[in-house]
Amino acid sequence: MLEKPTFAWGYAPATEFKEPGIPPAGLEGGQALAEFAFAFPLQLFIIFAIMQLALIYVAKQVVTYASYSAARAAIVADDENDAYARAHRSAALVCSPITGSTVAGSSYTAAELASEENTIAVPGWGVVPRSGISNRLKTYVGPVGYPASGEVEVTVTHYYELVFPVVNSLFAWLGGAGLEDEPTSAFGAEGTWSYADERLFEETVGIWNIEVPHMRLRETTRLAVPGE
């Protein structure tokens, strides 16, 4: 420890003496600001990523339940046409709470999706919010399958809207948004609202043209038909 120099009138003032390598008081502000400018964007990115992952996890659970509900609805149907209609309505209804409201860029307008023919109404509750968007644009139900005697199988795909900026594009890319993979063989019952396969549905509704990135969440449920 260096000793303070002395003068005829006593010790030198404390502000006039500094140890080597220590900047004078009040000059650290610029360094702290530079560190904050570097660390804050990274910290914000990590926070957004964690929050978006949590929402995706919740949405995945909802889609799992939607496929289960669709399979349950198909079990009680009278025929294949009725089975698909029931399965699709059930899946769209369950997915409505997680359905994003952005439709700009798709093949539909907000007014069309909010029309009575596209929305889903529950007796005693009225029209379910965003049910039209889920029903016509962001929830796809593959044709009801009967893989074995006494079983019914339904695949539900929901296009989940990623809401947090910057990280939404990253998650959409990691999730393979809009990428061509092996198409699902899917031929719906005649006279029902279905498409030849998932890729054709995406092209028809323009799901990947929507301004906000989306992620494809898919789940399949197979149930045994009671009494068979």
C-alpha atoms as a PDB file:
ATOM      1  CA  MET A   1       0.000   0.000   0.000  1.00  0.00           C
ATOM      2  CA  LEU A   2       1.460   3.326  -1.031  1.00  0.00           C
ATOM      3  CA  GLU A   3       1.629   6.011   1.557  1.00  0.00           C
ATOM      4  CA  LYS A   4       0.079   9.374   0.978  1.00  0.00           C
ATOM      5  CA  PRO A   5       2.602  12.164   0.348  1.00  0.00           C
ATOM      6  CA  THR A   6       2.828  14.829   2.990  1.00  0.00           C
ATOM      7  CA  PHE A   7       3.117  18.544   2.611  1.00  0.00           C
ATOM      8  CA  ALA A   8       4.120  21.254   4.972  1.00  0.00           C
ATOM      9  CA  TRP A   9       0.541  21.806   5.986  1.00  0.00           C
ATOM     10  CA  GLY A  10      -0.283  18.092   6.352  1.00  0.00           C
ATOM     11  CA  TYR A  11      -1.509  15.217   4.191  1.00  0.00           C
ATOM     12  CA  ALA A  12      -2.586  15.753   0.580  1.00  0.00           C
ATOM     13  CA  PRO A  13      -6.371  15.727   0.017  1.00  0.00           C
ATOM     14  CA  ALA A  14      -7.756  12.237  -0.671  1.00  0.00           C
ATOM     15  CA  THR A  15      -9.044  13.252  -4.100  1.00  0.00           C
ATOM     16  CA  GLU A  16      -5.554  14.156  -5.226  1.00  0.00           C
ATOM     17  CA  PHE A  17      -4.108  10.690  -4.581  1.00  0.00           C
ATOM     18  CA  LYS A  18      -5.102   7.481  -6.438  1.00  0.00           C
ATOM     19  CA  GLU A  19      -3.554   4.059  -6.539  1.00  0.00           C
ATOM     20  CA  PRO A  20      -2.104   3.006  -9.905  1.00  0.00           C
ATOM     21  CA  GLY A  21      -4.667   1.452 -12.310  1.00  0.00           C
ATOM     22  CA  ILE A  22      -7.773   2.845 -10.593  1.00  0.00           C
ATOM     23  CA  PRO A  23      -9.622   5.517 -12.609  1.00  0.00           C
ATOM     24  CA  PRO A  24     -10.821   8.629 -10.831  1.00  0.00           C
ATOM     25  CA  ALA A  25     -14.336   8.507  -9.402  1.00  0.00           C
ATOM     26  CA  GLY A  26     -17.104   9.322 -11.857  1.00  0.00           C
ATOM     27  CA  LEU A  27     -15.400   7.924 -14.974  1.00  0.00           C
ATOM     28  CA  GLU A  28     -16.944   4.395 -14.766  1.00  0.00           C
ATOM     29  CA  GLY A  29     -20.315   5.488 -16.195  1.00  0.00           C
ATOM     30  CA  GLY A  30     -19.279   5.122 -19.827  1.00  0.00           C
ATOM     31  CA  GLN A  31     -18.043   1.572 -19.299  1.00  0.00           C
ATOM     32  CA  ALA A  32     -21.259   0.544 -17.514  1.00  0.00           C
ATOM     33  CA  LEU A  33     -23.347   1.981 -20.353  1.00  0.00           C
ATOM     34  CA  ALA A  34     -21.339   0.048 -22.940  1.00  0.00           C
ATOM     35  CA  GLU A  35     -21.751  -3.182 -20.966  1.00  0.00           C
ATOM     36  CA  PHE A  36     -25.490  -2.601 -20.653  1.00  0.00           C
ATOM     37  CA  ALA A  37     -25.838  -1.890 -24.387  1.00  0.00           C
ATOM     38  CA  PHE A  38     -24.124  -5.197 -25.149  1.00  0.00           C
ATOM     39  CA  ALA A  39     -25.811  -7.400 -22.528  1.00  0.00           C
ATOM     40  CA  PHE A  40     -29.392  -6.109 -22.575  1.00  0.00           C
ATOM     41  CA  PRO A  41     -30.344  -7.238 -26.125  1.00  0.00           C
ATOM     42  CA  LEU A  42     -28.966 -10.707 -25.419  1.00  0.00           C
ATOM     43  CA  GLN A  43     -30.810 -10.881 -22.110  1.00  0.00           C
ATOM     44  CA  LEU A  44     -34.039  -9.720 -23.771  1.00  0.00           C
ATOM     45  CA  PHE A  45     -33.615 -12.334 -26.507  1.00  0.00           C
ATOM     46  CA  ILE A  46     -33.205 -15.108 -23.922  1.00  0.00           C
ATOM     47  CA  ILE A  47     -36.282 -13.923 -22.002  1.00  0.00           C
ATOM     48  CA  PHE A  48     -38.384 -13.843 -25.183  1.00  0.00           C
ATOM     49  CA  ALA A  49     -37.143 -17.311 -26.155  1.00  0.00           C
ATOM     50  CA  ILE A  50     -38.059 -18.785 -22.758  1.00  0.00           C
ATOM     51  CA  MET A  51     -41.527 -17.213 -22.845  1.00  0.00           C
ATOM     52  CA  GLN A  52     -42.134 -18.377 -26.414  1.00  0.00           C
ATOM     53  CA  LEU A  53     -41.051 -21.910 -25.541  1.00  0.00           C
ATOM     54  CA  ALA A  54     -43.492 -21.941 -22.643  1.00  0.00           C
ATOM     55  CA  LEU A  55     -46.353 -20.865 -24.909  1.00  0.00           C
ATOM     56  CA  ILE A  56     -45.416 -23.491 -27.508  1.00  0.00           C
ATOM     57  CA  TYR A  57     -45.447 -26.170 -24.801  1.00  0.00           C
ATOM     58  CA  VAL A  58     -48.950 -25.115 -23.715  1.00  0.00           C
ATOM     59  CA  ALA A  59     -50.139 -25.028 -27.328  1.00  0.00           C
ATOM     60  CA  LYS A  60     -48.764 -28.528 -27.921  1.00  0.00           C
ATOM     61  CA  GLN A  61     -50.821 -29.843 -25.008  1.00  0.00           C
ATOM     62  CA  VAL A  62     -53.922 -28.180 -26.428  1.00  0.00           C
ATOM     63  CA  VAL A  63     -53.344 -29.762 -29.855  1.00  0.00           C
ATOM     64  CA  THR A  64     -52.908 -33.146 -28.181  1.00  0.00           C
ATOM     65  CA  TYR A  65     -56.267 -32.740 -26.494  1.00  0.00           C
ATOM     66  CA  ALA A  66     -57.788 -31.475 -29.766  1.00  0.00           C
ATOM     67  CA  SER A  67     -56.811 -34.683 -31.557  1.00  0.00           C
ATOM     68  CA  TYR A  68     -58.238 -36.717 -28.692  1.00  0.00           C
ATOM     69  CA  SER A  69     -61.491 -34.740 -28.814  1.00  0.00           C
ATOM     70  CA  ALA A  70     -61.667 -35.155 -32.587  1.00  0.00           C
ATOM     71  CA  ALA A  71     -61.248 -38.913 -32.288  1.00  0.00           C
ATOM     72  CA  ARG A  72     -63.904 -39.051 -29.576  1.00  0.00           C
ATOM     73  CA  ALA A  73     -66.288 -37.056 -31.768  1.00  0.00           C
ATOM     74  CA  ALA A  74     -65.668 -39.355 -34.737  1.00  0.00           C
ATOM     75  CA  ILE A  75     -66.498 -42.436 -32.676  1.00  0.00           C
ATOM     76  CA  VAL A  76     -70.143 -41.413 -32.208  1.00  0.00           C
ATOM     77  CA  ALA A  77     -70.693 -40.444 -35.857  1.00  0.00           C
ATOM     78  CA  ASP A  78     -73.208 -42.230 -38.062  1.00  0.00           C
ATOM     79  CA  ASP A  79     -70.998 -42.450 -41.163  1.00  0.00           C
ATOM     80  CA  GLU A  80     -67.654 -41.280 -42.552  1.00  0.00           C
ATOM     81  CA  ASN A  81     -68.976 -37.920 -43.730  1.00  0.00           C
ATOM     82  CA  ASP A  82     -70.472 -37.210 -40.329  1.00  0.00           C
ATOM     83  CA  ALA A  83     -67.310 -38.475 -38.625  1.00  0.00           C
ATOM     84  CA  TYR A  84     -65.118 -35.959 -40.440  1.00  0.00           C
ATOM     85  CA  ALA A  85     -67.509 -33.061 -39.821  1.00  0.00           C
ATOM     86  CA  ARG A  86     -67.691 -33.873 -36.104  1.00  0.00           C
ATOM     87  CA  ALA A  87     -63.929 -34.369 -35.799  1.00  0.00           C
ATOM     88  CA  HIS A  88     -63.133 -31.117 -37.566  1.00  0.00           C
ATOM     89  CA  ARG A  89     -65.598 -29.063 -35.546  1.00  0.00           C
ATOM     90  CA  SER A  90     -64.344 -30.541 -32.278  1.00  0.00           C
ATOM     91  CA  ALA A  91     -60.676 -29.905 -33.085  1.00  0.00           C
ATOM     92  CA  ALA A  92     -61.328 -26.344 -34.284  1.00  0.00           C
ATOM     93  CA  LEU A  93     -63.318 -25.608 -31.139  1.00  0.00           C
ATOM     94  CA  VAL A  94     -60.595 -26.895 -28.792  1.00  0.00           C
ATOM     95  CA  CYS A  95     -57.871 -24.982 -30.658  1.00  0.00           C
ATOM     96  CA  SER A  96     -59.768 -21.683 -30.683  1.00  0.00           C
ATOM     97  CA  PRO A  97     -58.241 -20.343 -27.424  1.00  0.00           C
ATOM     98  CA  ILE A  98     -54.677 -20.719 -28.759  1.00  0.00           C
ATOM     99  CA  THR A  99     -55.483 -19.477 -32.258  1.00  0.00           C
ATOM    100  CA  GLY A 100     -53.708 -16.277 -33.242  1.00  0.00           C
ATOM    101  CA  SER A 101     -55.749 -13.392 -34.599  1.00  0.00           C
ATOM    102  CA  THR A 102     -53.419 -12.405 -37.458  1.00  0.00           C
ATOM    103  CA  VAL A 103     -54.861 -13.307 -40.882  1.00  0.00           C
ATOM    104  CA  ALA A 104     -53.324 -10.633 -43.132  1.00  0.00           C
ATOM    105  CA  GLY A 105     -51.641 -12.298 -46.099  1.00  0.00           C
ATOM    106  CA  SER A 106     -53.813 -15.422 -46.092  1.00  0.00           C
ATOM    107  CA  SER A 107     -56.511 -16.339 -48.573  1.00  0.00           C
ATOM    108  CA  TYR A 108     -59.231 -15.103 -46.206  1.00  0.00           C
ATOM    109  CA  THR A 109     -60.186 -11.735 -44.833  1.00  0.00           C
ATOM    110  CA  ALA A 110     -61.008 -11.095 -41.196  1.00  0.00           C
ATOM    111  CA  ALA A 111     -64.616 -10.401 -42.157  1.00  0.00           C
ATOM    112  CA  GLU A 112     -64.962 -13.734 -43.942  1.00  0.00           C
ATOM    113  CA  LEU A 113     -63.564 -15.656 -40.987  1.00  0.00           C
ATOM    114  CA  ALA A 114     -65.884 -13.842 -38.594  1.00  0.00           C
ATOM    115  CA  SER A 115     -68.992 -14.715 -40.607  1.00  0.00           C
ATOM    116  CA  GLU A 116     -71.668 -16.944 -39.148  1.00  0.00           C
ATOM    117  CA  GLU A 117     -70.982 -19.811 -41.561  1.00  0.00           C
ATOM    118  CA  ASN A 118     -67.347 -20.079 -40.433  1.00  0.00           C
ATOM    119  CA  THR A 119     -67.571 -19.453 -36.686  1.00  0.00           C
ATOM    120  CA  ILE A 120     -68.577 -22.020 -34.073  1.00  0.00           C
ATOM    121  CA  ALA A 121     -71.348 -21.260 -31.600  1.00  0.00           C
ATOM    122  CA  VAL A 122     -71.854 -23.141 -28.344  1.00  0.00           C
ATOM    123  CA  PRO A 123     -75.408 -23.230 -26.972  1.00  0.00           C
ATOM    124  CA  GLY A 124     -75.643 -21.037 -23.905  1.00  0.00           C
ATOM    125  CA  TRP A 125     -72.270 -19.413 -24.616  1.00  0.00           C
ATOM    126  CA  GLY A 126     -72.631 -17.928 -28.072  1.00  0.00           C
ATOM    127  CA  VAL A 127     -69.901 -17.630 -30.694  1.00  0.00           C
ATOM    128  CA  VAL A 128     -66.478 -18.792 -29.518  1.00  0.00           C
ATOM    129  CA  PRO A 129     -63.818 -16.076 -30.052  1.00  0.00           C
ATOM    130  CA  ARG A 130     -61.452 -16.768 -32.980  1.00  0.00           C
ATOM    131  CA  SER A 131     -63.332 -19.973 -33.788  1.00  0.00           C
ATOM    132  CA  GLY A 132     -63.733 -18.880 -37.399  1.00  0.00           C
ATOM    133  CA  ILE A 133     -59.974 -18.449 -37.781  1.00  0.00           C
ATOM    134  CA  SER A 134     -59.343 -21.831 -36.203  1.00  0.00           C
ATOM    135  CA  ASN A 135     -62.107 -23.510 -38.172  1.00  0.00           C
ATOM    136  CA  ARG A 136     -61.175 -22.335 -41.654  1.00  0.00           C
ATOM    137  CA  LEU A 137     -57.550 -21.218 -41.535  1.00  0.00           C
ATOM    138  CA  LYS A 138     -55.341 -22.488 -38.730  1.00  0.00           C
ATOM    139  CA  THR A 139     -56.597 -25.962 -37.817  1.00  0.00           C
ATOM    140  CA  TYR A 140     -56.373 -28.825 -40.292  1.00  0.00           C
ATOM    141  CA  VAL A 141     -57.922 -32.213 -39.602  1.00  0.00           C
ATOM    142  CA  GLY A 142     -56.874 -35.150 -41.733  1.00  0.00           C
ATOM    143  CA  PRO A 143     -59.450 -37.652 -42.924  1.00  0.00           C
ATOM    144  CA  VAL A 144     -60.736 -39.986 -40.266  1.00  0.00           C
ATOM    145  CA  GLY A 145     -58.928 -43.287 -40.570  1.00  0.00           C
ATOM    146  CA  TYR A 146     -59.872 -46.794 -39.543  1.00  0.00           C
ATOM    147  CA  PRO A 147     -56.491 -48.549 -39.291  1.00  0.00           C
ATOM    148  CA  ALA A 148     -57.924 -51.706 -37.733  1.00  0.00           C
ATOM    149  CA  SER A 149     -61.242 -53.210 -36.897  1.00  0.00           C
ATOM    150  CA  GLY A 150     -62.837 -51.361 -34.013  1.00  0.00           C
ATOM    151  CA  GLU A 151     -60.387 -48.415 -34.074  1.00  0.00           C
ATOM    152  CA  VAL A 152     -60.562 -44.816 -35.263  1.00  0.00           C
ATOM    153  CA  GLU A 153     -57.596 -42.527 -35.917  1.00  0.00           C
ATOM    154  CA  VAL A 154     -57.541 -38.741 -36.371  1.00  0.00           C
ATOM    155  CA  THR A 155     -54.609 -36.414 -37.065  1.00  0.00           C
ATOM    156  CA  VAL A 156     -54.930 -32.732 -36.133  1.00  0.00           C
ATOM    157  CA  THR A 157     -52.519 -30.032 -37.284  1.00  0.00           C
ATOM    158  CA  HIS A 158     -52.671 -26.544 -35.840  1.00  0.00           C
ATOM    159  CA  TYR A 159     -50.666 -23.620 -37.176  1.00  0.00           C
ATOM    160  CA  TYR A 160     -49.612 -21.802 -34.041  1.00  0.00           C
ATOM    161  CA  GLU A 161     -48.900 -18.082 -34.230  1.00  0.00           C
ATOM    162  CA  LEU A 162     -45.522 -17.125 -32.741  1.00  0.00           C
ATOM    163  CA  VAL A 163     -45.973 -13.761 -31.052  1.00  0.00           C
ATOM    164  CA  PHE A 164     -42.589 -12.673 -29.688  1.00  0.00           C
ATOM    165  CA  PRO A 165     -40.476 -10.618 -32.132  1.00  0.00           C
ATOM    166  CA  VAL A 166     -37.140 -11.884 -33.428  1.00  0.00           C
ATOM    167  CA  VAL A 167     -37.406 -15.267 -31.706  1.00  0.00           C
ATOM    168  CA  ASN A 168     -40.611 -16.065 -33.620  1.00  0.00           C
ATOM    169  CA  SER A 169     -38.731 -16.216 -36.921  1.00  0.00           C
ATOM    170  CA  LEU A 170     -36.079 -18.418 -35.332  1.00  0.00           C
ATOM    171  CA  PHE A 171     -38.614 -20.880 -33.927  1.00  0.00           C
ATOM    172  CA  ALA A 172     -40.533 -20.925 -37.205  1.00  0.00           C
ATOM    173  CA  TRP A 173     -37.310 -21.827 -39.016  1.00  0.00           C
ATOM    174  CA  LEU A 174     -36.394 -24.488 -36.469  1.00  0.00           C
ATOM    175  CA  GLY A 175     -39.911 -25.914 -36.747  1.00  0.00           C
ATOM    176  CA  GLY A 176     -39.603 -26.232 -40.517  1.00  0.00           C
ATOM    177  CA  ALA A 177     -42.342 -23.711 -41.312  1.00  0.00           C
ATOM    178  CA  GLY A 178     -43.277 -23.956 -44.954  1.00  0.00           C
ATOM    179  CA  LEU A 179     -40.725 -26.656 -45.740  1.00  0.00           C
ATOM    180  CA  GLU A 180     -41.790 -29.559 -47.896  1.00  0.00           C
ATOM    181  CA  ASP A 181     -41.636 -32.892 -46.164  1.00  0.00           C
ATOM    182  CA  GLU A 182     -43.190 -36.229 -47.053  1.00  0.00           C
ATOM    183  CA  PRO A 183     -46.861 -35.483 -47.769  1.00  0.00           C
ATOM    184  CA  THR A 184     -49.515 -37.203 -45.763  1.00  0.00           C
ATOM    185  CA  SER A 185     -51.817 -39.437 -47.770  1.00  0.00           C
ATOM    186  CA  ALA A 186     -55.214 -37.941 -46.972  1.00  0.00           C
ATOM    187  CA  PHE A 187     -58.410 -38.191 -48.935  1.00  0.00           C
ATOM    188  CA  GLY A 188     -61.409 -36.814 -47.097  1.00  0.00           C
ATOM    189  CA  ALA A 189     -64.902 -38.181 -47.255  1.00  0.00           C
ATOM    190  CA  GLU A 190     -66.858 -36.916 -50.238  1.00  0.00           C
ATOM    191  CA  GLY A 191     -68.785 -33.741 -49.580  1.00  0.00           C
ATOM    192  CA  THR A 192     -66.818 -32.634 -46.513  1.00  0.00           C
ATOM    193  CA  TRP A 193     -64.468 -29.685 -46.105  1.00  0.00           C
ATOM    194  CA  SER A 194     -61.133 -31.424 -46.567  1.00  0.00           C
ATOM    195  CA  TYR A 195     -58.095 -31.316 -48.832  1.00  0.00           C
ATOM    196  CA  ALA A 196     -56.067 -33.965 -50.579  1.00  0.00           C
ATOM    197  CA  ASP A 197     -53.235 -33.546 -48.112  1.00  0.00           C
ATOM    198  CA  GLU A 198     -51.753 -31.141 -45.622  1.00  0.00           C
ATOM    199  CA  ARG A 199     -49.533 -29.416 -48.173  1.00  0.00           C
ATOM    200  CA  LEU A 200     -52.482 -28.657 -50.432  1.00  0.00           C
ATOM    201  CA  PHE A 201     -54.371 -27.200 -47.464  1.00  0.00           C
ATOM    202  CA  GLU A 202     -51.443 -24.929 -46.646  1.00  0.00           C
ATOM    203  CA  GLU A 203     -51.192 -23.695 -50.214  1.00  0.00           C
ATOM    204  CA  THR A 204     -54.932 -23.181 -50.499  1.00  0.00           C
ATOM    205  CA  VAL A 205     -55.359 -21.073 -47.354  1.00  0.00           C
ATOM    206  CA  GLY A 206     -51.958 -19.350 -47.716  1.00  0.00           C
ATOM    207  CA  ILE A 207     -50.902 -20.131 -44.168  1.00  0.00           C
ATOM    208  CA  TRP A 208     -47.209 -19.391 -44.798  1.00  0.00           C
ATOM    209  CA  ASN A 209     -48.024 -16.045 -46.413  1.00  0.00           C
ATOM    210  CA  ILE A 210     -49.398 -14.602 -43.169  1.00  0.00           C
ATOM    211  CA  GLU A 211     -47.352 -11.653 -41.920  1.00  0.00           C
ATOM    212  CA  VAL A 212     -46.582 -13.247 -38.532  1.00  0.00           C
ATOM    213  CA  PRO A 213     -44.507 -16.491 -38.432  1.00  0.00           C
ATOM    214  CA  HIS A 214     -46.329 -19.708 -37.525  1.00  0.00           C
ATOM    215  CA  MET A 215     -45.271 -23.162 -36.353  1.00  0.00           C
ATOM    216  CA  ARG A 216     -46.876 -26.433 -37.382  1.00  0.00           C
ATOM    217  CA  LEU A 217     -48.029 -28.516 -34.394  1.00  0.00           C
ATOM    218  CA  ARG A 218     -49.306 -31.975 -35.292  1.00  0.00           C
ATOM    219  CA  GLU A 219     -50.777 -34.728 -33.125  1.00  0.00           C
ATOM    220  CA  THR A 220     -52.424 -38.085 -33.888  1.00  0.00           C
ATOM    221  CA  THR A 221     -54.821 -40.013 -31.636  1.00  0.00           C
ATOM    222  CA  ARG A 222     -56.073 -43.568 -32.097  1.00  0.00           C
ATOM    223  CA  LEU A 223     -59.008 -44.798 -30.024  1.00  0.00           C
ATOM    224  CA  ALA A 224     -60.908 -48.028 -29.798  1.00  0.00           C
ATOM    225  CA  VAL A 225     -64.582 -47.900 -30.745  1.00  0.00           C
ATOM    226  CA  PRO A 226     -66.646 -49.041 -27.753  1.00  0.00           C
ATOM    227  CA  GLY A 227     -68.556 -52.247 -28.305  1.00  0.00           C
ATOM    228  CA  GLU A 228     -66.463 -53.460 -31.244  1.00  0.00           C
END
